[in-house]
Protein backbone atom coordinates (compact mmCIF):
# COMPACT_ATOMS: atom_id res chain seq x y z
CA MET A 1 -24.13 -9.95 24.88
CA LEU A 2 -26.29 -12.75 23.51
CA GLU A 3 -24.27 -15.26 25.52
CA ARG A 4 -25.01 -13.32 28.71
CA ALA A 5 -28.68 -13.05 27.79
CA THR A 6 -28.96 -16.82 27.44
CA LYS A 7 -26.83 -17.80 30.42
CA THR A 8 -29.77 -18.40 32.78
CA ILE A 9 -33.56 -18.47 32.65
CA GLY A 10 -33.56 -15.16 34.52
CA THR A 11 -31.43 -13.31 31.97
CA ALA A 12 -33.33 -14.88 29.07
CA SER A 13 -36.57 -13.71 30.69
CA LEU A 14 -35.36 -10.10 30.54
CA LEU A 15 -34.83 -10.43 26.79
CA LEU A 16 -38.29 -11.94 26.40
CA ALA A 17 -39.88 -9.22 28.54
CA ALA A 18 -38.38 -6.54 26.29
CA TYR A 19 -39.63 -8.40 23.21
CA PHE A 20 -43.19 -8.62 24.52
CA VAL A 21 -43.18 -4.95 25.51
CA LEU A 22 -42.33 -4.19 21.86
CA ASN A 23 -45.21 -6.43 20.74
CA VAL A 24 -47.62 -4.54 22.98
CA ALA A 25 -46.31 -1.17 21.80
CA LEU A 26 -46.62 -2.21 18.15
CA ARG A 27 -50.21 -3.41 18.47
CA ILE A 28 -51.26 -0.27 20.34
CA ALA A 29 -49.55 1.89 17.69
CA LEU A 30 -51.47 0.14 14.90
CA PRO A 31 -55.13 1.03 14.21
CA HIS A 32 -57.50 0.10 17.01
CA SER A 33 -59.65 -2.18 14.89
CA LEU A 34 -59.89 -5.66 16.29
CA GLU A 35 -59.00 -9.08 14.97
CA LEU A 36 -61.67 -11.78 15.20
CA ASP A 37 -60.54 -13.22 18.54
CA GLU A 38 -59.85 -9.76 19.97
CA ALA A 39 -63.35 -8.67 19.03
CA GLU A 40 -64.82 -11.79 20.58
CA GLN A 41 -63.00 -11.08 23.86
CA SER A 42 -64.07 -7.44 23.75
CA PHE A 43 -67.70 -8.49 23.39
CA PHE A 44 -67.69 -11.38 25.88
CA SER A 45 -65.86 -9.32 28.52
CA GLN A 46 -69.24 -7.84 29.45
CA TYR A 47 -70.38 -11.18 30.88
CA LEU A 48 -69.18 -13.70 33.46
CA LEU A 49 -70.63 -17.04 32.38
CA ALA A 50 -69.85 -20.72 32.89
CA GLY A 51 -69.68 -21.17 29.11
CA TYR A 52 -69.66 -18.89 26.09
CA GLY A 53 -69.87 -21.18 23.11
CA PRO A 54 -67.55 -23.50 21.19
CA GLN A 55 -64.45 -22.54 23.21
CA PRO A 56 -63.79 -23.21 26.93
CA PRO A 57 -63.97 -20.13 29.18
CA PHE A 58 -60.52 -19.69 30.77
CA TYR A 59 -59.45 -16.81 28.54
CA ASN A 60 -62.92 -15.22 28.76
CA TRP A 61 -62.82 -15.34 32.57
CA MET A 62 -59.37 -13.77 32.60
CA GLN A 63 -60.45 -11.05 30.16
CA TYR A 64 -63.62 -10.35 32.13
CA ALA A 65 -61.61 -9.88 35.33
CA ILE A 66 -59.15 -7.50 33.69
CA VAL A 67 -61.78 -5.38 31.94
CA SER A 68 -63.81 -5.23 35.17
CA VAL A 69 -60.82 -3.67 36.92
CA ALA A 70 -59.11 -1.67 34.16
CA GLY A 71 -62.01 -0.89 31.83
CA MET A 72 -62.24 -1.59 28.11
CA SER A 73 -59.28 -0.44 26.04
CA MET A 74 -56.83 -1.76 23.49
CA GLY A 75 -54.30 -2.25 26.27
CA ALA A 76 -56.77 -4.30 28.31
CA LEU A 77 -57.05 -6.69 25.36
CA ILE A 78 -53.39 -6.84 24.32
CA VAL A 79 -51.38 -6.77 27.56
CA PRO A 80 -52.97 -9.91 29.13
CA LYS A 81 -52.28 -11.96 26.03
CA ASN A 82 -48.64 -10.95 25.99
CA ILE A 83 -48.32 -11.72 29.69
CA LEU A 84 -49.69 -15.21 29.03
CA LEU A 85 -47.23 -15.68 26.18
CA PHE A 86 -44.37 -14.50 28.38
CA LEU A 87 -45.44 -17.00 31.06
CA CYS A 88 -45.64 -19.69 28.38
CA TYR A 89 -41.95 -19.13 27.61
CA LEU A 90 -41.03 -18.86 31.29
CA PHE A 91 -42.69 -22.11 32.39
CA TYR A 92 -41.29 -23.80 29.30
CA GLY A 93 -37.82 -22.77 30.42
CA LEU A 94 -38.51 -24.13 33.90
CA ALA A 95 -39.71 -27.40 32.36
CA GLY A 96 -36.50 -27.51 30.34
CA ARG A 97 -34.46 -27.04 33.50
CA GLU A 98 -36.14 -30.08 35.05
CA ALA A 99 -35.40 -32.25 32.01
CA LEU A 100 -31.97 -30.93 31.01
CA LYS A 101 -30.50 -30.13 34.46
CA ASP A 102 -28.61 -27.26 32.82
CA GLN A 103 -29.44 -23.57 33.19
CA THR A 104 -27.94 -22.50 29.88
CA LEU A 105 -29.59 -25.25 27.85
CA ALA A 106 -32.90 -24.51 29.59
CA ALA A 107 -32.59 -20.81 28.73
CA VAL A 108 -31.80 -21.62 25.10
CA GLY A 109 -34.70 -24.06 24.98
CA MET A 110 -37.01 -21.38 26.37
CA LEU A 111 -35.94 -18.87 23.72
CA ALA A 112 -36.12 -21.56 21.04
CA LEU A 113 -39.92 -21.46 21.30
CA ILE A 114 -39.61 -18.47 18.97
CA THR A 115 -38.85 -20.99 16.20
CA LEU A 116 -42.39 -22.41 16.46
CA PRO A 117 -44.56 -20.21 14.19
CA GLN A 118 -47.71 -21.14 16.12
CA VAL A 119 -46.13 -19.66 19.25
CA SER A 120 -44.15 -16.75 17.84
CA TYR A 121 -46.31 -15.38 15.02
CA MET A 122 -49.78 -16.90 14.92
CA ALA A 123 -50.46 -16.31 18.62
CA GLN A 124 -49.51 -12.63 18.25
CA GLN A 125 -51.54 -12.21 15.09
CA ASP A 126 -54.88 -13.03 16.66
CA LEU A 127 -55.38 -16.27 18.62
CA THR A 128 -56.61 -15.97 22.22
CA HIS A 129 -57.83 -19.41 23.32
CA THR A 130 -54.79 -20.96 21.63
CA THR A 131 -52.61 -18.56 23.63
CA ALA A 132 -54.24 -19.85 26.81
CA LEU A 133 -53.60 -23.40 25.60
CA LEU A 134 -49.90 -22.66 25.00
CA PHE A 135 -49.60 -21.19 28.50
CA ALA A 136 -51.40 -24.17 30.06
CA SER A 137 -49.30 -26.65 28.07
CA SER A 138 -46.03 -25.08 29.24
CA LEU A 139 -47.30 -25.00 32.80
CA PHE A 140 -48.31 -28.65 32.49
CA LEU A 141 -44.90 -29.66 31.15
CA TYR A 142 -43.26 -27.88 34.07
CA GLY A 143 -45.58 -29.48 36.62
CA PHE A 144 -45.25 -32.90 34.99
CA PHE A 145 -41.45 -32.83 34.68
CA ARG A 146 -41.10 -31.44 38.19
CA THR A 147 -43.32 -34.21 39.59
CA LEU A 148 -41.10 -36.80 37.89
CA ASN A 149 -37.99 -35.17 39.38
CA ARG A 150 -39.26 -33.95 42.74
CA PRO A 151 -42.55 -35.58 43.68
CA GLY A 152 -43.47 -33.21 46.50
CA ILE A 153 -46.95 -31.97 47.30
CA ASP A 154 -46.15 -28.63 45.62
CA SER A 155 -45.33 -30.45 42.37
CA TYR A 156 -48.62 -32.31 42.43
CA LEU A 157 -50.49 -29.10 43.24
CA LEU A 158 -48.86 -27.45 40.24
CA LEU A 159 -49.74 -30.44 38.04
CA GLY A 160 -53.39 -30.27 39.12
CA LEU A 161 -53.53 -26.51 38.55
CA ALA A 162 -52.05 -26.85 35.05
CA THR A 163 -54.42 -29.69 34.15
CA GLY A 164 -57.46 -27.74 35.30
CA ILE A 165 -56.45 -24.59 33.43
CA GLY A 166 -55.62 -26.61 30.32
CA LEU A 167 -59.00 -28.34 30.28
CA ILE A 168 -60.84 -25.00 30.34
CA SER A 169 -58.48 -23.43 27.79
CA LYS A 170 -58.96 -25.76 24.80
CA TYR A 171 -60.72 -29.10 24.64
CA ASN A 172 -57.86 -30.83 22.81
CA PHE A 173 -55.74 -30.38 25.96
CA ALA A 174 -57.67 -33.34 27.42
CA LEU A 175 -55.26 -35.64 25.56
CA MET A 176 -52.22 -34.21 27.38
CA PRO A 177 -52.58 -35.95 30.77
CA VAL A 178 -53.48 -39.19 28.98
CA VAL A 179 -50.33 -39.23 26.85
CA ALA A 180 -48.25 -38.14 29.86
CA LEU A 181 -49.50 -41.22 31.73
CA ILE A 182 -48.75 -43.47 28.76
CA ALA A 183 -45.27 -41.98 28.44
CA ILE A 184 -44.16 -42.88 31.97
CA LEU A 185 -45.63 -46.40 32.17
CA PRO A 186 -42.46 -48.18 30.92
CA ASP A 187 -40.35 -46.55 33.66
CA ALA A 188 -40.68 -48.38 37.00
CA GLU A 189 -39.65 -45.42 39.16
CA TRP A 190 -41.89 -42.95 37.35
CA ARG A 191 -44.85 -45.34 37.48
CA ARG A 192 -44.82 -44.88 41.25
CA ARG A 193 -45.77 -41.22 40.73
CA VAL A 194 -49.14 -42.43 39.46
CA LEU A 195 -49.78 -44.51 42.57
CA ASP A 196 -48.80 -41.70 44.93
CA TRP A 197 -51.72 -40.48 47.12
CA ARG A 198 -50.80 -36.91 46.27
CA LEU A 199 -52.04 -37.50 42.72
CA LEU A 200 -55.55 -37.45 44.23
CA VAL A 201 -54.87 -33.88 45.39
CA ALA A 202 -53.89 -32.93 41.84
CA VAL A 203 -57.05 -34.54 40.47
CA ALA A 204 -59.17 -32.73 43.08
CA ILE A 205 -57.68 -29.34 42.15
CA ALA A 206 -58.26 -29.98 38.45
CA LEU A 207 -61.87 -30.99 39.12
CA VAL A 208 -62.55 -27.86 41.20
CA ILE A 209 -61.28 -25.68 38.34
CA VAL A 210 -63.19 -27.58 35.66
CA LEU A 211 -66.44 -28.20 37.52
CA PRO A 212 -68.33 -24.93 36.75
CA HIS A 213 -67.71 -25.28 33.03
CA ALA A 214 -68.24 -29.05 33.07
CA ASN A 215 -71.69 -28.53 34.58
CA TRP A 216 -72.51 -26.03 31.82
CA LEU A 217 -71.04 -28.34 29.18
CA ARG A 218 -73.28 -31.18 30.28
CA ASN A 219 -76.32 -29.21 29.10
CA ASN A 220 -74.69 -27.51 26.11
CA LEU A 221 -72.55 -30.22 24.54
CA GLU A 222 -73.97 -29.83 21.04
CA PHE A 223 -73.50 -26.06 21.12
CA ALA A 224 -69.95 -26.35 22.46
CA SER A 225 -68.87 -28.94 19.88
CA SER A 226 -70.54 -27.29 16.88
CA ASP A 227 -67.57 -25.16 15.86
CA THR A 228 -64.96 -27.95 16.00
CA LEU A 229 -67.22 -30.48 14.29
CA GLY A 230 -68.14 -27.87 11.70
CA LYS A 231 -64.48 -27.23 10.86
CA MET A 232 -63.84 -30.95 10.55
CA ALA A 233 -66.97 -31.47 8.46
CA ALA A 234 -65.86 -28.69 6.14
CA GLY A 235 -62.92 -30.84 5.22
CA SER A 236 -64.70 -34.18 5.02
CA GLU A 237 -65.83 -36.27 2.06
CA PRO A 238 -67.89 -39.43 1.60
CA ALA A 239 -66.24 -42.47 3.18
CA SER A 240 -63.58 -43.94 0.93
CA ALA A 241 -59.94 -44.94 0.82
CA SER A 242 -59.28 -41.62 -0.91
CA ARG A 243 -60.74 -39.71 2.03
CA ILE A 244 -58.59 -41.65 4.50
CA GLY A 245 -55.53 -40.93 2.39
CA LYS A 246 -56.33 -37.22 2.15
CA GLY A 247 -56.91 -37.01 5.90
CA LEU A 248 -53.63 -38.70 6.76
CA LEU A 249 -51.79 -36.59 4.16
CA ALA A 250 -53.24 -33.41 5.67
CA PHE A 251 -52.15 -34.66 9.08
CA LEU A 252 -48.61 -35.28 7.82
CA VAL A 253 -48.48 -31.84 6.16
CA ALA A 254 -49.58 -30.23 9.43
CA ILE A 255 -46.79 -32.00 11.32
CA ILE A 256 -44.22 -30.89 8.76
CA ALA A 257 -45.51 -27.31 8.76
CA PHE A 258 -45.37 -27.22 12.56
CA ALA A 259 -41.87 -28.70 12.89
CA ALA A 260 -40.11 -27.40 9.75
CA LEU A 261 -38.74 -24.13 11.14
CA PRO A 262 -37.41 -25.47 14.47
CA VAL A 263 -35.84 -28.45 12.69
CA ALA A 264 -34.21 -26.13 10.14
CA ALA A 265 -32.97 -23.73 12.84
CA PHE A 266 -31.47 -26.48 15.01
CA ALA A 267 -29.99 -28.30 12.00
CA ALA A 268 -28.35 -25.10 10.71
CA ALA A 269 -26.93 -24.20 14.12
CA PHE A 270 -25.80 -27.61 15.38
CA ARG A 271 -25.02 -29.13 11.97
CA ARG A 272 -23.93 -32.78 12.08
CA ASP A 273 -24.44 -33.00 15.83
CA PHE A 274 -28.16 -32.50 15.33
CA SER A 275 -28.62 -35.48 13.01
CA ARG A 276 -26.11 -37.70 14.83
CA ALA A 277 -27.91 -37.10 18.15
CA PHE A 278 -31.01 -38.99 17.05
CA SER A 279 -29.28 -42.30 17.73
CA ALA A 280 -28.67 -41.25 21.35
CA GLY A 281 -31.17 -41.06 24.17
CA ASN A 282 -31.99 -41.38 27.85
CA ARG A 283 -35.09 -41.85 29.98
CA TRP A 284 -36.13 -38.22 29.40
CA THR A 285 -35.87 -38.34 25.62
CA GLY A 286 -37.65 -41.70 25.62
CA MET A 287 -40.47 -40.27 27.70
CA MET A 288 -40.87 -37.23 25.40
CA GLU A 289 -40.85 -39.48 22.36
CA ARG A 290 -43.64 -41.59 23.81
CA MET A 291 -45.63 -38.45 24.65
CA MET A 292 -45.38 -37.13 21.10
CA LEU A 293 -46.04 -40.47 19.42
CA ALA A 294 -49.04 -41.24 21.63
CA SER A 295 -50.55 -37.81 21.03
CA LEU A 296 -50.00 -37.97 17.28
CA ALA A 297 -51.55 -41.44 17.21
CA GLY A 298 -54.56 -40.08 19.09
CA ILE A 299 -55.00 -37.19 16.66
CA ALA A 300 -54.63 -39.53 13.67
CA LEU A 301 -57.36 -41.73 15.13
CA ILE A 302 -59.65 -38.72 15.56
CA VAL A 303 -59.00 -37.69 11.95
CA LEU A 304 -59.90 -41.19 10.75
CA LEU A 305 -63.02 -41.46 12.92
CA THR A 306 -64.37 -38.04 11.93
CA GLY A 307 -63.46 -38.44 8.27
CA SER A 308 -61.81 -35.03 8.20
CA THR A 309 -59.45 -34.19 5.36
CA MET A 310 -58.35 -30.95 7.03
CA VAL A 311 -55.90 -30.74 9.93
CA ARG A 312 -54.69 -27.41 11.26
CA GLU A 313 -51.21 -26.96 12.68
CA ARG A 314 -52.52 -25.36 15.87
CA TRP A 315 -54.31 -28.60 16.75
CA LEU A 316 -50.81 -29.96 17.39
CA ASP A 317 -49.74 -27.12 19.73
CA PRO A 318 -49.79 -28.88 23.11
CA PHE A 319 -48.34 -32.12 21.76
CA LEU A 320 -45.34 -30.89 19.77
CA LEU A 321 -44.55 -27.91 21.98
CA VAL A 322 -41.86 -30.00 23.66
CA LEU A 323 -39.75 -30.21 20.46
CA PRO A 324 -37.01 -27.65 21.36
CA ILE A 325 -36.43 -29.28 24.77
CA TYR A 326 -36.43 -32.68 23.08
CA PHE A 327 -33.83 -31.63 20.49
CA LEU A 328 -31.51 -30.27 23.19
CA ALA A 329 -32.03 -33.35 25.36
CA LYS A 330 -31.07 -35.64 22.46
CA MET A 331 -27.84 -33.74 21.82
CA GLN A 332 -27.10 -33.62 25.54
CA ALA A 333 -27.64 -37.40 25.77
CA ALA A 334 -25.12 -37.85 22.95
CA ARG A 335 -22.56 -35.99 25.12
CA PHE A 336 -21.59 -33.61 22.35
CA ASP A 337 -19.77 -30.35 22.99
CA LEU A 338 -22.62 -27.96 22.16
CA SER A 339 -20.74 -24.68 22.67
CA ALA A 340 -20.22 -24.00 18.95
CA GLY A 341 -23.81 -24.91 18.10
CA LEU A 342 -25.16 -22.70 20.88
CA ARG A 343 -22.99 -19.83 19.65
CA ARG A 344 -24.50 -20.21 16.16
CA PHE A 345 -28.04 -20.64 17.48
CA ARG A 346 -28.18 -17.58 19.74
CA PRO A 347 -28.38 -14.98 16.89
CA VAL A 348 -31.37 -16.85 15.46
CA VAL A 349 -33.50 -15.68 18.40
CA PRO A 350 -33.27 -11.87 17.92
CA VAL A 351 -33.47 -12.31 14.14
CA LEU A 352 -36.75 -14.22 14.44
CA MET A 353 -38.03 -11.73 17.01
CA ALA A 354 -37.36 -8.92 14.55
CA CYS A 355 -38.98 -10.88 11.72
CA VAL A 356 -42.14 -11.40 13.78
CA LEU A 357 -42.40 -7.71 14.68
CA ILE A 358 -41.78 -6.62 11.08
CA ALA A 359 -44.30 -9.12 9.72
CA LEU A 360 -46.96 -8.08 12.24
CA GLY A 361 -46.48 -4.43 11.37
CA PHE A 362 -46.12 -4.80 7.60
CA ARG A 363 -49.28 -6.90 7.19
CA VAL A 364 -51.15 -3.78 8.30
CA VAL A 365 -49.12 -0.78 7.09
CA GLY A 366 -48.16 -2.56 3.87
CA ALA A 367 -51.67 -3.74 3.07
CA GLY A 368 -52.05 -1.24 0.25
CA LEU A 369 -48.91 -2.57 -1.42
CA ILE A 370 -49.85 -6.25 -1.22
CA GLY A 371 -53.57 -5.71 -1.80
CA THR A 372 -54.64 -7.92 1.12
CA TYR A 373 -56.24 -6.32 4.14
CA SER A 374 -56.06 -7.44 7.74
CA ARG A 375 -58.83 -6.65 10.18
CA PRO A 376 -56.80 -3.86 11.84
CA ASN A 377 -57.04 -2.11 8.45
CA VAL A 378 -60.82 -1.80 8.86
CA PRO A 379 -61.69 1.84 9.71
CA MET A 380 -63.83 1.03 12.75
CA ALA A 381 -62.94 4.19 14.68
CA GLY A 382 -63.91 6.37 11.72
CA LEU A 383 -67.16 4.49 11.19
CA ALA A 384 -68.01 4.84 14.88
CA ARG A 385 -67.35 8.60 14.78
CA GLU A 386 -69.63 9.00 11.79
CA MET A 387 -72.48 7.18 13.54
CA MET A 388 -71.93 9.05 16.81
CA ARG A 389 -72.46 12.35 14.99
CA GLN A 390 -76.08 11.30 14.57
CA ALA A 391 -76.78 10.19 18.16
CA GLN A 392 -75.19 8.72 21.27
CA PRO A 393 -76.49 5.15 21.58
CA ALA A 394 -77.85 3.77 24.84
CA LEU A 395 -77.65 0.21 23.48
CA ILE A 396 -75.93 -1.40 20.50
CA ILE A 397 -77.30 -4.47 18.73
CA ALA A 398 -74.59 -6.04 16.55
CA SER A 399 -74.92 -8.71 13.89
CA ASP A 400 -72.07 -10.81 15.32
CA THR A 401 -69.26 -10.78 17.85
CA TYR A 402 -66.82 -9.19 15.36
CA VAL A 403 -68.96 -6.08 14.92
CA GLY A 404 -70.10 -6.22 18.54
CA GLY A 405 -66.57 -6.39 19.92
CA ASN A 406 -65.41 -3.49 17.78
CA MET A 407 -68.42 -1.40 18.81
CA ARG A 408 -67.68 -2.23 22.44
CA LEU A 409 -64.13 -0.91 22.03
CA GLN A 410 -65.37 2.28 20.35
CA PHE A 411 -68.27 2.76 22.80
CA PRO A 412 -66.86 1.26 26.03
CA ASP A 413 -69.65 2.58 28.26
CA VAL A 414 -72.50 1.33 26.07
CA PRO A 415 -73.88 -2.23 26.48
CA VAL A 416 -73.56 -4.35 23.33
CA VAL A 417 -75.66 -7.41 22.52
CA ILE A 418 -76.11 -9.75 19.59
CA PRO A 419 -79.33 -11.63 18.80
CA ASP A 420 -79.89 -14.47 21.28
CA PHE A 421 -76.82 -13.61 23.39
CA PRO A 422 -76.42 -13.38 26.31
CA VAL A 423 -80.04 -14.59 26.49
CA THR A 424 -82.70 -15.55 23.97
CA GLY A 425 -84.14 -12.56 22.17
CA ILE A 426 -83.04 -8.99 22.92
CA PRO A 427 -84.69 -8.19 26.26
CA SER A 428 -82.34 -5.26 26.92
CA TYR A 429 -84.02 -3.39 24.04
CA ALA A 430 -87.18 -2.65 26.03
CA SER A 431 -85.20 -1.00 28.84
CA ALA A 432 -82.59 0.77 26.73
CA GLY A 433 -83.79 4.26 27.69
CA GLY A 434 -82.42 5.96 24.61
CA PRO A 435 -81.42 5.53 20.95
CA VAL A 436 -80.57 1.98 19.95
CA LEU A 437 -77.86 1.49 17.32
CA ILE A 438 -78.01 -1.62 15.12
CA ALA A 439 -74.82 -2.41 13.19
CA TRP A 440 -73.69 -5.08 10.73
CA ARG A 441 -70.76 -5.50 8.38
CA GLY A 442 -70.85 -5.04 4.64
CA LYS A 443 -68.25 -5.90 2.02
CA LYS A 444 -65.13 -4.39 0.49
CA THR A 445 -66.69 -1.93 -1.89
CA GLU A 446 -66.35 1.55 -3.34
CA THR A 447 -69.77 2.54 -2.01
CA ALA A 448 -71.97 1.60 0.91
CA ALA A 449 -74.53 -0.10 -1.32
CA ASP A 450 -73.50 -3.60 -0.28
CA ALA A 451 -74.13 -3.00 3.41
CA VAL A 452 -77.50 -4.76 3.32
CA MET A 453 -78.90 -6.00 6.62
CA PRO A 454 -78.39 -9.80 6.85
CA GLU A 455 -81.58 -11.83 6.78
CA ARG A 456 -80.67 -13.55 10.06
CA LEU A 457 -80.30 -10.20 11.84
CA SER A 458 -83.49 -8.83 10.30
CA SER A 459 -85.48 -11.88 11.41
CA ALA A 460 -84.04 -11.69 14.92
CA LEU A 461 -84.94 -8.00 15.21
CA THR A 462 -88.49 -8.70 14.04
CA ALA A 463 -88.88 -11.56 16.52
CA ALA A 464 -87.65 -9.32 19.34
CA GLY A 465 -89.98 -6.48 18.39
CA VAL A 466 -87.17 -4.15 17.31
CA VAL A 467 -88.31 -1.77 14.56
CA PRO A 468 -85.45 0.03 12.76
CA GLN A 469 -86.56 3.59 12.02
CA ALA A 470 -83.62 4.92 10.07
CA ILE A 471 -81.48 2.55 8.00
CA GLY A 472 -78.22 3.78 6.53
CA SER A 473 -74.79 2.69 5.50
CA LEU A 474 -71.27 4.03 5.62
CA SER A 475 -68.22 3.32 3.52
CA LEU A 476 -64.74 4.51 4.46
CA PRO A 477 -61.26 3.77 3.07
CA TYR A 478 -59.21 1.02 4.69
CA TYR A 479 -56.36 2.24 6.84
CA PHE A 480 -53.18 2.10 4.71
CA GLY A 481 -55.33 0.92 1.79
CA ARG A 482 -55.37 1.50 -1.93
CA GLN A 483 -57.41 4.25 -3.48
CA GLY A 484 -60.99 3.02 -3.88
CA ASP A 485 -60.72 0.12 -1.44
CA ASN A 486 -63.36 0.81 1.20
CA PHE A 487 -65.03 -1.07 4.01
CA SER A 488 -68.77 -0.67 4.40
CA LEU A 489 -70.84 -0.92 7.54
CA GLY A 490 -74.61 -1.02 7.64
CA TYR A 491 -76.45 0.58 10.53
CA ALA A 492 -79.90 1.52 11.69
CA TRP A 493 -81.39 3.45 14.57
CA ALA A 494 -84.34 2.38 16.68
CA GLN A 495 -86.04 3.77 19.75
CA ALA A 496 -86.90 1.58 22.71
CA GLY A 497 -90.64 1.19 23.22
CA THR A 498 -91.61 1.78 19.59
CA GLY A 499 -91.91 -1.92 18.70
CA LYS A 500 -94.70 -4.30 19.44
């Protein structure tokens, strides 16, 4: 059965489709309290903007379009992400077919993405913009490999589309076309692809896609880069040889953490063939090696220039995504009989799929046993019901996008704002036409006493002329939590027109 499922990209896609349907069903079955990125998408889906903050807008635009058509719901947040992940696998398989020229190896390579934790587990756990990056990276690999193989206008169009989407998915994607160019320079035939007039069409398409956000970015560069620079600064120290060493060590650890599972899975399945294949190669393996080395060199340079001593594995996503195809290409170049290795590798795929589903479910339903709570354990629906017993809000002012996104899911027909977004101040307060609910998060506590209004929110309300008339707090048990472990939420009511 597994052999049939991995015979072609089409049959492997059916297995993947069933797997992603299970992921959707699992997330919808779990409590409808949102992760950080889910909450951000829930909140931002109210607005169509050229830029939203530190992350590029591709995922936000997609989410806005879907919510505009289907309305706000858990399904509207979860289904699009799983479709993107499915397409990530699919285009990866198509890229593998271009490089490997073998349907079965391409199908196995496509399914082997499950061995990359950043793709299989972390993307399902929360990440949205990274999911868009993974999709764009797979699409780029397909467009790039296809252009090398079959340099028709459709291949260049696909390459331009992938580049444009990638650039508005995550800023670190900008390195991908650069390292792709570097990778093909030593090959005389492939160099001609760069001089082909059709590359101008690809560039034009990418520019059209990027232009709206690029125009916004020109005037908001500091705002857009604040999150990334802040994360790097959090892991930086005064300039010294020690700092350089720590930064490079963190970079090495990130590479090992990213590649450890796929290396272990391929080594266990293909045994000696896997290690012996590294002395073999062809133009495709050489090109992929240059892509990975150039990208890693670029990231190392960025780490050194910024002085960061912290490197996250997901920063490597677009650059090491090619690993499963690369491993298969190396063994193919060595002309080994891979039938036994493929037979041993195939069961790894459903086992890892099951492990991901179990882990995603247990981190929530088993939270009381392990004593660590995920955000789906937060009793947002219960807290919303308690507040709705007092009044039906006409407007919700939230302290941040996490609270705002969760309130938006619980009150899908009520506009939600946070201080200074979408515009400076809270102008929608004056025209609310009914009770205004103000909400902010507290701490894990047995009572609601810790749900004190944050100073930043209080100052913003005062500046906007919002006068809270009834301040309260709620504390409810975590879903699947231990006795006495509660989550508190602070809230207040205000009435439009009662301020200054």
